[in-house]
Amino acid sequence: MPLAASARQFLTDTGLPGRVYYFSFSRLADRIETLEQCVDILRSEETYVLGNYRFHLDEGEYLVIGEVGWGRPPVLDFVCLPVGEDIVYVANVPDDQLVFVNSSLRRFSESLAALADCALPGTGCDGTAAARLRNAIGRVDPSALEPGHYWPSLIDRVETGDL
């Protein structure tokens, strides 16, 4: 499966952290799978039954680079890139949604760094932390803050202390 040249270059030169909050990128250590492969694994696991469920996107067209685990197994949200592109999405399998996150892998990494800097565990997530995060992501990738995209809902969680 071809990664976009810019995504491959970023992962080779810089890489992603192993974990930031609920984002985990440990699957990059082994291999990059397609969304279809990840959904098939979910189908086969005893902990979650997808049955005949079919994600409505062409699952083979997305490469999974990470997971978003909200503290409860199994992981049902996958960080993915369309084959040959450098745009980051989160695919939520049960809700059948593909949500835009960032316009490039580099900008995604910078947004994760902003999340780690603005909403430090144990310091209390609040309106001030949410405003810092919103401003930081706005500088990195303004399109990521558009309504319906991933970051606005996560920033709302920071603001309410639900991160």
N, C-alpha and C. Protein backbone atom coordinates (compact mmCIF):
# COMPACT_ATOMS: atom_id res chain seq x y z
N MET A 1 0.84 -1.18 0.00
CA MET A 1 0.00 0.00 0.00
C MET A 1 0.88 1.24 0.00
N PRO A 2 0.70 2.09 -0.96
CA PRO A 2 1.58 3.26 -1.05
C PRO A 2 1.18 4.39 -0.11
N LEU A 3 2.14 4.80 0.69
CA LEU A 3 2.00 6.02 1.47
C LEU A 3 2.36 7.18 0.56
N ALA A 4 1.76 8.33 0.78
CA ALA A 4 2.17 9.52 0.05
C ALA A 4 3.63 9.79 0.37
N ALA A 5 4.37 10.32 -0.60
CA ALA A 5 5.81 10.58 -0.40
C ALA A 5 6.04 11.47 0.81
N SER A 6 5.21 12.50 0.98
CA SER A 6 5.40 13.42 2.12
C SER A 6 5.13 12.71 3.44
N ALA A 7 4.13 11.80 3.48
CA ALA A 7 3.84 11.05 4.70
C ALA A 7 4.99 10.09 5.01
N ARG A 8 5.48 9.39 4.00
CA ARG A 8 6.60 8.46 4.20
C ARG A 8 7.83 9.21 4.70
N GLN A 9 8.11 10.36 4.10
CA GLN A 9 9.26 11.18 4.51
C GLN A 9 9.12 11.63 5.96
N PHE A 10 7.92 12.07 6.34
CA PHE A 10 7.70 12.51 7.71
C PHE A 10 7.90 11.36 8.69
N LEU A 11 7.30 10.21 8.41
CA LEU A 11 7.43 9.07 9.31
C LEU A 11 8.87 8.58 9.41
N THR A 12 9.61 8.67 8.30
CA THR A 12 11.01 8.24 8.30
C THR A 12 11.89 9.22 9.06
N ASP A 13 11.71 10.50 8.81
CA ASP A 13 12.58 11.53 9.40
C ASP A 13 12.19 11.89 10.84
N THR A 14 10.91 11.98 11.12
CA THR A 14 10.44 12.49 12.40
C THR A 14 9.71 11.43 13.21
N GLY A 15 8.74 10.80 12.60
CA GLY A 15 7.95 9.78 13.28
C GLY A 15 6.88 10.40 14.16
N LEU A 16 6.11 9.54 14.80
CA LEU A 16 5.06 9.96 15.73
C LEU A 16 5.39 9.40 17.11
N PRO A 17 4.93 10.06 18.16
CA PRO A 17 5.17 9.53 19.51
C PRO A 17 4.44 8.20 19.68
N GLY A 18 4.86 7.40 20.65
CA GLY A 18 4.18 6.14 20.91
C GLY A 18 2.76 6.34 21.38
N ARG A 19 2.55 7.41 22.19
CA ARG A 19 1.23 7.65 22.76
C ARG A 19 1.11 9.12 23.17
N VAL A 20 -0.05 9.71 22.90
CA VAL A 20 -0.42 11.04 23.40
C VAL A 20 -1.88 10.93 23.80
N TYR A 21 -2.13 11.06 25.10
CA TYR A 21 -3.48 10.86 25.64
C TYR A 21 -4.04 9.54 25.13
N TYR A 22 -5.15 9.60 24.41
CA TYR A 22 -5.80 8.39 23.95
C TYR A 22 -5.32 7.94 22.58
N PHE A 23 -4.44 8.72 21.97
CA PHE A 23 -3.88 8.36 20.67
C PHE A 23 -2.71 7.41 20.88
N SER A 24 -2.70 6.30 20.18
CA SER A 24 -1.60 5.34 20.26
C SER A 24 -1.12 5.03 18.85
N PHE A 25 0.20 5.02 18.69
CA PHE A 25 0.79 4.77 17.37
C PHE A 25 1.70 3.55 17.38
N SER A 26 1.50 2.65 18.32
CA SER A 26 2.35 1.48 18.44
C SER A 26 2.21 0.54 17.24
N ARG A 27 1.08 0.58 16.56
CA ARG A 27 0.91 -0.31 15.41
C ARG A 27 1.89 0.03 14.28
N LEU A 28 2.46 1.23 14.27
CA LEU A 28 3.45 1.58 13.25
C LEU A 28 4.73 0.79 13.41
N ALA A 29 4.97 0.26 14.60
CA ALA A 29 6.20 -0.50 14.84
C ALA A 29 6.22 -1.79 14.03
N ASP A 30 5.08 -2.37 13.77
CA ASP A 30 5.02 -3.64 13.05
C ASP A 30 4.83 -3.43 11.55
N ARG A 31 3.69 -2.91 11.19
CA ARG A 31 3.39 -2.68 9.78
C ARG A 31 2.17 -1.77 9.69
N ILE A 32 1.97 -1.23 8.53
CA ILE A 32 0.79 -0.40 8.30
C ILE A 32 -0.27 -1.28 7.64
N GLU A 33 -1.44 -1.32 8.26
CA GLU A 33 -2.54 -2.13 7.75
C GLU A 33 -3.58 -1.23 7.11
N THR A 34 -4.44 -1.83 6.31
CA THR A 34 -5.56 -1.07 5.76
C THR A 34 -6.68 -1.06 6.79
N LEU A 35 -7.59 -0.14 6.63
CA LEU A 35 -8.77 -0.10 7.51
C LEU A 35 -9.55 -1.40 7.39
N GLU A 36 -9.60 -1.95 6.20
CA GLU A 36 -10.30 -3.22 5.99
C GLU A 36 -9.70 -4.33 6.86
N GLN A 37 -8.37 -4.40 6.93
CA GLN A 37 -7.72 -5.40 7.76
C GLN A 37 -8.08 -5.20 9.24
N CYS A 38 -8.12 -3.96 9.69
CA CYS A 38 -8.46 -3.68 11.09
C CYS A 38 -9.91 -4.04 11.39
N VAL A 39 -10.82 -3.75 10.47
CA VAL A 39 -12.22 -4.10 10.66
C VAL A 39 -12.38 -5.62 10.67
N ASP A 40 -11.64 -6.32 9.81
CA ASP A 40 -11.69 -7.79 9.81
C ASP A 40 -11.22 -8.36 11.14
N ILE A 41 -10.19 -7.75 11.73
CA ILE A 41 -9.71 -8.19 13.04
C ILE A 41 -10.80 -7.97 14.09
N LEU A 42 -11.48 -6.83 14.03
CA LEU A 42 -12.59 -6.58 14.97
C LEU A 42 -13.68 -7.64 14.81
N ARG A 43 -13.97 -8.00 13.58
CA ARG A 43 -15.00 -9.01 13.32
C ARG A 43 -14.64 -10.34 13.97
N SER A 44 -13.36 -10.64 14.00
CA SER A 44 -12.93 -11.95 14.48
C SER A 44 -12.72 -12.00 16.00
N GLU A 45 -12.66 -10.83 16.65
CA GLU A 45 -12.42 -10.82 18.08
C GLU A 45 -13.70 -11.15 18.85
N GLU A 46 -13.53 -11.90 19.93
CA GLU A 46 -14.69 -12.27 20.74
C GLU A 46 -15.21 -11.11 21.57
N THR A 47 -14.37 -10.08 21.80
CA THR A 47 -14.77 -8.99 22.68
C THR A 47 -15.76 -8.05 22.01
N TYR A 48 -15.86 -8.08 20.70
CA TYR A 48 -16.77 -7.17 20.01
C TYR A 48 -17.27 -7.86 18.76
N VAL A 49 -18.56 -7.86 18.56
CA VAL A 49 -19.10 -8.57 17.41
C VAL A 49 -19.63 -7.54 16.41
N LEU A 50 -19.01 -7.52 15.25
CA LEU A 50 -19.51 -6.65 14.19
C LEU A 50 -20.51 -7.38 13.30
N GLY A 51 -20.51 -8.70 13.38
CA GLY A 51 -21.43 -9.47 12.56
C GLY A 51 -21.23 -9.19 11.09
N ASN A 52 -22.31 -8.88 10.40
CA ASN A 52 -22.24 -8.60 8.97
C ASN A 52 -22.01 -7.13 8.68
N TYR A 53 -21.69 -6.37 9.72
CA TYR A 53 -21.47 -4.94 9.55
C TYR A 53 -20.44 -4.68 8.46
N ARG A 54 -20.67 -3.70 7.65
CA ARG A 54 -19.72 -3.31 6.60
C ARG A 54 -19.56 -1.80 6.65
N PHE A 55 -18.33 -1.36 6.90
CA PHE A 55 -18.04 0.07 6.86
C PHE A 55 -18.33 0.53 5.44
N HIS A 56 -19.02 1.62 5.26
CA HIS A 56 -19.49 2.00 3.93
C HIS A 56 -18.42 2.61 3.04
N LEU A 57 -17.28 2.95 3.60
CA LEU A 57 -16.19 3.43 2.77
C LEU A 57 -15.47 2.25 2.16
N ASP A 58 -14.68 2.50 1.14
CA ASP A 58 -13.82 1.45 0.61
C ASP A 58 -12.65 1.32 1.57
N GLU A 59 -12.77 0.38 2.48
CA GLU A 59 -11.81 0.25 3.58
C GLU A 59 -10.38 0.04 3.11
N GLY A 60 -10.22 -0.58 1.95
CA GLY A 60 -8.88 -0.84 1.43
C GLY A 60 -8.17 0.42 0.97
N GLU A 61 -8.88 1.52 0.91
CA GLU A 61 -8.30 2.77 0.44
C GLU A 61 -7.72 3.62 1.57
N TYR A 62 -7.72 3.10 2.81
CA TYR A 62 -7.21 3.86 3.96
C TYR A 62 -6.16 3.04 4.69
N LEU A 63 -5.05 3.68 5.03
CA LEU A 63 -3.97 3.04 5.77
C LEU A 63 -4.04 3.48 7.22
N VAL A 64 -4.07 2.52 8.13
CA VAL A 64 -4.20 2.82 9.56
C VAL A 64 -2.82 3.04 10.15
N ILE A 65 -2.63 4.21 10.78
CA ILE A 65 -1.33 4.51 11.40
C ILE A 65 -1.44 4.59 12.92
N GLY A 66 -2.65 4.55 13.46
CA GLY A 66 -2.80 4.64 14.91
C GLY A 66 -4.22 4.34 15.34
N GLU A 67 -4.43 4.45 16.63
CA GLU A 67 -5.72 4.16 17.23
C GLU A 67 -6.07 5.27 18.21
N VAL A 68 -7.36 5.44 18.42
CA VAL A 68 -7.84 6.34 19.46
C VAL A 68 -8.62 5.46 20.43
N GLY A 69 -8.01 5.17 21.57
CA GLY A 69 -8.64 4.32 22.57
C GLY A 69 -9.09 5.15 23.73
N TRP A 70 -10.37 5.21 23.96
CA TRP A 70 -10.91 6.04 25.04
C TRP A 70 -10.96 5.27 26.34
N GLY A 71 -10.02 4.37 26.54
CA GLY A 71 -9.91 3.67 27.81
C GLY A 71 -10.77 2.43 27.93
N ARG A 72 -11.40 2.04 26.86
CA ARG A 72 -12.22 0.83 26.92
C ARG A 72 -11.96 0.00 25.66
N PRO A 73 -11.60 -1.26 25.84
CA PRO A 73 -11.40 -2.09 24.66
C PRO A 73 -12.74 -2.51 24.08
N PRO A 74 -12.82 -2.89 22.87
CA PRO A 74 -11.75 -2.80 21.88
C PRO A 74 -11.66 -1.41 21.29
N VAL A 75 -10.57 -1.15 20.61
CA VAL A 75 -10.39 0.12 19.91
C VAL A 75 -11.29 0.11 18.68
N LEU A 76 -12.09 1.15 18.54
CA LEU A 76 -13.00 1.22 17.41
C LEU A 76 -12.78 2.47 16.56
N ASP A 77 -11.84 3.31 16.97
CA ASP A 77 -11.50 4.52 16.22
C ASP A 77 -10.06 4.37 15.74
N PHE A 78 -9.85 4.56 14.45
CA PHE A 78 -8.53 4.38 13.86
C PHE A 78 -8.07 5.67 13.19
N VAL A 79 -6.80 6.03 13.43
CA VAL A 79 -6.19 7.17 12.76
C VAL A 79 -5.71 6.64 11.41
N CYS A 80 -6.15 7.26 10.32
CA CYS A 80 -5.80 6.71 9.02
C CYS A 80 -5.53 7.79 7.98
N LEU A 81 -4.85 7.36 6.93
CA LEU A 81 -4.53 8.20 5.79
C LEU A 81 -5.12 7.54 4.54
N PRO A 82 -5.72 8.31 3.64
CA PRO A 82 -6.11 7.70 2.36
C PRO A 82 -4.85 7.23 1.63
N VAL A 83 -4.94 6.11 0.91
CA VAL A 83 -3.79 5.61 0.16
C VAL A 83 -3.29 6.70 -0.78
N GLY A 84 -1.99 6.95 -0.71
CA GLY A 84 -1.36 7.92 -1.60
C GLY A 84 -1.58 9.38 -1.23
N GLU A 85 -2.21 9.65 -0.09
CA GLU A 85 -2.45 11.03 0.32
C GLU A 85 -1.87 11.28 1.70
N ASP A 86 -1.69 12.54 2.02
CA ASP A 86 -1.12 12.95 3.30
C ASP A 86 -2.15 13.77 4.06
N ILE A 87 -3.35 13.21 4.24
CA ILE A 87 -4.44 13.85 4.98
C ILE A 87 -4.84 12.90 6.10
N VAL A 88 -5.00 13.40 7.31
CA VAL A 88 -5.27 12.52 8.45
C VAL A 88 -6.77 12.55 8.79
N TYR A 89 -7.33 11.35 8.97
CA TYR A 89 -8.72 11.17 9.36
C TYR A 89 -8.78 10.24 10.57
N VAL A 90 -9.90 10.29 11.29
CA VAL A 90 -10.22 9.26 12.27
C VAL A 90 -11.45 8.54 11.73
N ALA A 91 -11.33 7.22 11.62
CA ALA A 91 -12.46 6.40 11.19
C ALA A 91 -13.09 5.78 12.43
N ASN A 92 -14.36 6.09 12.67
CA ASN A 92 -15.09 5.48 13.77
C ASN A 92 -15.94 4.37 13.18
N VAL A 93 -15.58 3.14 13.49
CA VAL A 93 -16.21 1.99 12.84
C VAL A 93 -17.69 1.84 13.18
N PRO A 94 -18.10 1.79 14.48
CA PRO A 94 -19.52 1.55 14.74
C PRO A 94 -20.43 2.67 14.26
N ASP A 95 -19.94 3.92 14.30
CA ASP A 95 -20.77 5.04 13.87
C ASP A 95 -20.67 5.29 12.37
N ASP A 96 -19.81 4.51 11.69
CA ASP A 96 -19.68 4.60 10.24
C ASP A 96 -19.31 6.02 9.81
N GLN A 97 -18.33 6.60 10.52
CA GLN A 97 -17.92 7.97 10.22
C GLN A 97 -16.43 8.03 9.91
N LEU A 98 -16.11 8.89 8.97
CA LEU A 98 -14.73 9.25 8.69
C LEU A 98 -14.64 10.75 8.92
N VAL A 99 -13.86 11.16 9.93
CA VAL A 99 -13.83 12.55 10.35
C VAL A 99 -12.44 13.15 10.05
N PHE A 100 -12.44 14.29 9.38
CA PHE A 100 -11.20 14.99 9.05
C PHE A 100 -10.51 15.43 10.34
N VAL A 101 -9.18 15.23 10.41
CA VAL A 101 -8.41 15.64 11.58
C VAL A 101 -7.45 16.76 11.20
N ASN A 102 -6.52 16.49 10.31
CA ASN A 102 -5.52 17.49 9.89
C ASN A 102 -5.21 17.34 8.41
N SER A 103 -4.72 18.43 7.82
CA SER A 103 -4.45 18.44 6.39
C SER A 103 -3.12 17.80 6.01
N SER A 104 -2.31 17.40 6.99
CA SER A 104 -1.08 16.65 6.70
C SER A 104 -0.64 15.92 7.97
N LEU A 105 0.21 14.94 7.78
CA LEU A 105 0.74 14.19 8.91
C LEU A 105 1.62 15.08 9.79
N ARG A 106 2.38 15.97 9.18
CA ARG A 106 3.21 16.90 9.95
C ARG A 106 2.33 17.79 10.81
N ARG A 107 1.25 18.32 10.26
CA ARG A 107 0.35 19.18 11.02
C ARG A 107 -0.37 18.39 12.12
N PHE A 108 -0.65 17.13 11.85
CA PHE A 108 -1.24 16.27 12.88
C PHE A 108 -0.27 16.12 14.05
N SER A 109 0.99 15.87 13.74
CA SER A 109 2.00 15.72 14.79
C SER A 109 2.13 17.00 15.61
N GLU A 110 2.10 18.15 14.94
CA GLU A 110 2.18 19.43 15.65
C GLU A 110 0.93 19.66 16.50
N SER A 111 -0.21 19.22 16.03
CA SER A 111 -1.45 19.34 16.80
C SER A 111 -1.40 18.44 18.04
N LEU A 112 -0.83 17.24 17.89
CA LEU A 112 -0.66 16.36 19.06
C LEU A 112 0.26 17.00 20.09
N ALA A 113 1.33 17.65 19.61
CA ALA A 113 2.25 18.34 20.52
C ALA A 113 1.52 19.45 21.25
N ALA A 114 0.66 20.17 20.55
CA ALA A 114 -0.13 21.23 21.18
C ALA A 114 -1.07 20.65 22.23
N LEU A 115 -1.68 19.50 21.93
CA LEU A 115 -2.55 18.84 22.90
C LEU A 115 -1.75 18.49 24.15
N ALA A 116 -0.58 17.91 23.97
CA ALA A 116 0.25 17.53 25.11
C ALA A 116 0.67 18.75 25.92
N ASP A 117 0.96 19.87 25.26
CA ASP A 117 1.39 21.08 25.94
C ASP A 117 0.26 21.82 26.64
N CYS A 118 -0.92 21.82 26.03
CA CYS A 118 -2.04 22.65 26.53
C CYS A 118 -2.94 21.95 27.53
N ALA A 119 -2.96 20.66 27.50
CA ALA A 119 -3.89 19.93 28.37
C ALA A 119 -3.11 18.85 29.11
N LEU A 120 -2.22 19.28 29.96
CA LEU A 120 -1.36 18.34 30.68
C LEU A 120 -2.16 17.57 31.72
N PRO A 121 -1.95 16.25 31.80
CA PRO A 121 -2.66 15.46 32.80
C PRO A 121 -2.36 15.98 34.21
N GLY A 122 -3.37 16.02 35.02
CA GLY A 122 -3.20 16.43 36.41
C GLY A 122 -3.23 17.93 36.63
N THR A 123 -3.23 18.72 35.54
CA THR A 123 -3.25 20.17 35.71
C THR A 123 -4.67 20.71 35.59
N GLY A 124 -5.60 19.84 35.29
CA GLY A 124 -6.98 20.29 35.18
C GLY A 124 -7.26 20.85 33.80
N CYS A 125 -8.08 20.16 33.05
CA CYS A 125 -8.52 20.66 31.76
C CYS A 125 -9.64 21.65 32.02
N ASP A 126 -9.56 22.78 31.36
CA ASP A 126 -10.56 23.81 31.59
C ASP A 126 -10.62 24.73 30.38
N GLY A 127 -11.37 25.81 30.52
CA GLY A 127 -11.53 26.77 29.43
C GLY A 127 -10.23 27.39 28.99
N THR A 128 -9.32 27.63 29.93
CA THR A 128 -8.03 28.22 29.59
C THR A 128 -7.20 27.25 28.75
N ALA A 129 -7.16 26.00 29.17
CA ALA A 129 -6.43 24.98 28.40
C ALA A 129 -7.06 24.81 27.02
N ALA A 130 -8.39 24.82 26.96
CA ALA A 130 -9.09 24.67 25.69
C ALA A 130 -8.77 25.84 24.75
N ALA A 131 -8.74 27.05 25.29
CA ALA A 131 -8.41 28.22 24.47
C ALA A 131 -6.98 28.15 23.95
N ARG A 132 -6.05 27.71 24.81
CA ARG A 132 -4.65 27.56 24.36
C ARG A 132 -4.56 26.51 23.24
N LEU A 133 -5.26 25.41 23.41
CA LEU A 133 -5.24 24.36 22.40
C LEU A 133 -5.86 24.84 21.09
N ARG A 134 -7.00 25.51 21.19
CA ARG A 134 -7.66 26.04 19.99
C ARG A 134 -6.74 27.01 19.25
N ASN A 135 -6.07 27.89 19.99
CA ASN A 135 -5.15 28.85 19.36
C ASN A 135 -3.96 28.15 18.72
N ALA A 136 -3.40 27.17 19.43
CA ALA A 136 -2.23 26.46 18.90
C ALA A 136 -2.58 25.70 17.63
N ILE A 137 -3.71 24.99 17.64
CA ILE A 137 -4.09 24.24 16.44
C ILE A 137 -4.47 25.20 15.31
N GLY A 138 -5.07 26.32 15.65
CA GLY A 138 -5.40 27.33 14.64
C GLY A 138 -4.16 27.86 13.94
N ARG A 139 -3.06 27.98 14.66
CA ARG A 139 -1.80 28.41 14.03
C ARG A 139 -1.21 27.31 13.15
N VAL A 140 -1.36 26.06 13.59
CA VAL A 140 -0.77 24.92 12.88
C VAL A 140 -1.58 24.57 11.62
N ASP A 141 -2.90 24.51 11.76
CA ASP A 141 -3.75 24.00 10.68
C ASP A 141 -5.17 24.55 10.85
N PRO A 142 -5.42 25.79 10.38
CA PRO A 142 -6.73 26.41 10.59
C PRO A 142 -7.90 25.56 10.09
N SER A 143 -7.72 24.81 9.02
CA SER A 143 -8.82 23.99 8.49
C SER A 143 -9.24 22.91 9.47
N ALA A 144 -8.37 22.53 10.39
CA ALA A 144 -8.69 21.48 11.37
C ALA A 144 -9.74 21.93 12.37
N LEU A 145 -9.99 23.23 12.47
CA LEU A 145 -10.94 23.75 13.46
C LEU A 145 -12.34 23.99 12.88
N GLU A 146 -12.54 23.61 11.63
CA GLU A 146 -13.85 23.82 11.02
C GLU A 146 -14.89 22.92 11.69
N PRO A 147 -16.15 23.38 11.79
CA PRO A 147 -17.20 22.58 12.42
C PRO A 147 -17.31 21.20 11.77
N GLY A 148 -17.53 20.19 12.60
CA GLY A 148 -17.67 18.83 12.11
C GLY A 148 -16.36 18.07 12.02
N HIS A 149 -15.23 18.78 12.17
CA HIS A 149 -13.94 18.12 12.15
C HIS A 149 -13.60 17.59 13.55
N TYR A 150 -12.52 16.86 13.67
CA TYR A 150 -12.19 16.15 14.90
C TYR A 150 -11.79 17.07 16.06
N TRP A 151 -10.90 18.02 15.82
CA TRP A 151 -10.35 18.83 16.90
C TRP A 151 -11.40 19.65 17.66
N PRO A 152 -12.39 20.27 17.01
CA PRO A 152 -13.38 21.03 17.80
C PRO A 152 -14.07 20.19 18.87
N SER A 153 -14.41 18.93 18.56
CA SER A 153 -15.07 18.11 19.58
C SER A 153 -14.09 17.72 20.69
N LEU A 154 -12.83 17.50 20.36
CA LEU A 154 -11.85 17.17 21.40
C LEU A 154 -11.58 18.40 22.27
N ILE A 155 -11.53 19.58 21.67
CA ILE A 155 -11.33 20.81 22.43
C ILE A 155 -12.50 21.03 23.39
N ASP A 156 -13.72 20.70 22.95
CA ASP A 156 -14.88 20.78 23.85
C ASP A 156 -14.70 19.86 25.05
N ARG A 157 -14.11 18.68 24.83
CA ARG A 157 -13.86 17.75 25.94
C ARG A 157 -12.83 18.33 26.90
N VAL A 158 -11.82 19.00 26.36
CA VAL A 158 -10.82 19.66 27.22
C VAL A 158 -11.51 20.72 28.07
N GLU A 159 -12.36 21.52 27.44
CA GLU A 159 -13.04 22.62 28.13
C GLU A 159 -13.93 22.13 29.27
N THR A 160 -14.58 21.00 29.07
CA THR A 160 -15.48 20.49 30.10
C THR A 160 -14.76 19.58 31.10
N GLY A 161 -13.47 19.36 30.89
CA GLY A 161 -12.70 18.51 31.80
C GLY A 161 -12.94 17.03 31.56
N ASP A 162 -13.43 16.68 30.39
CA ASP A 162 -13.77 15.29 30.08
C ASP A 162 -12.71 14.60 29.24
N LEU A 163 -11.49 15.08 29.31
CA LEU A 163 -10.42 14.47 28.51
C LEU A 163 -9.74 13.39 29.30
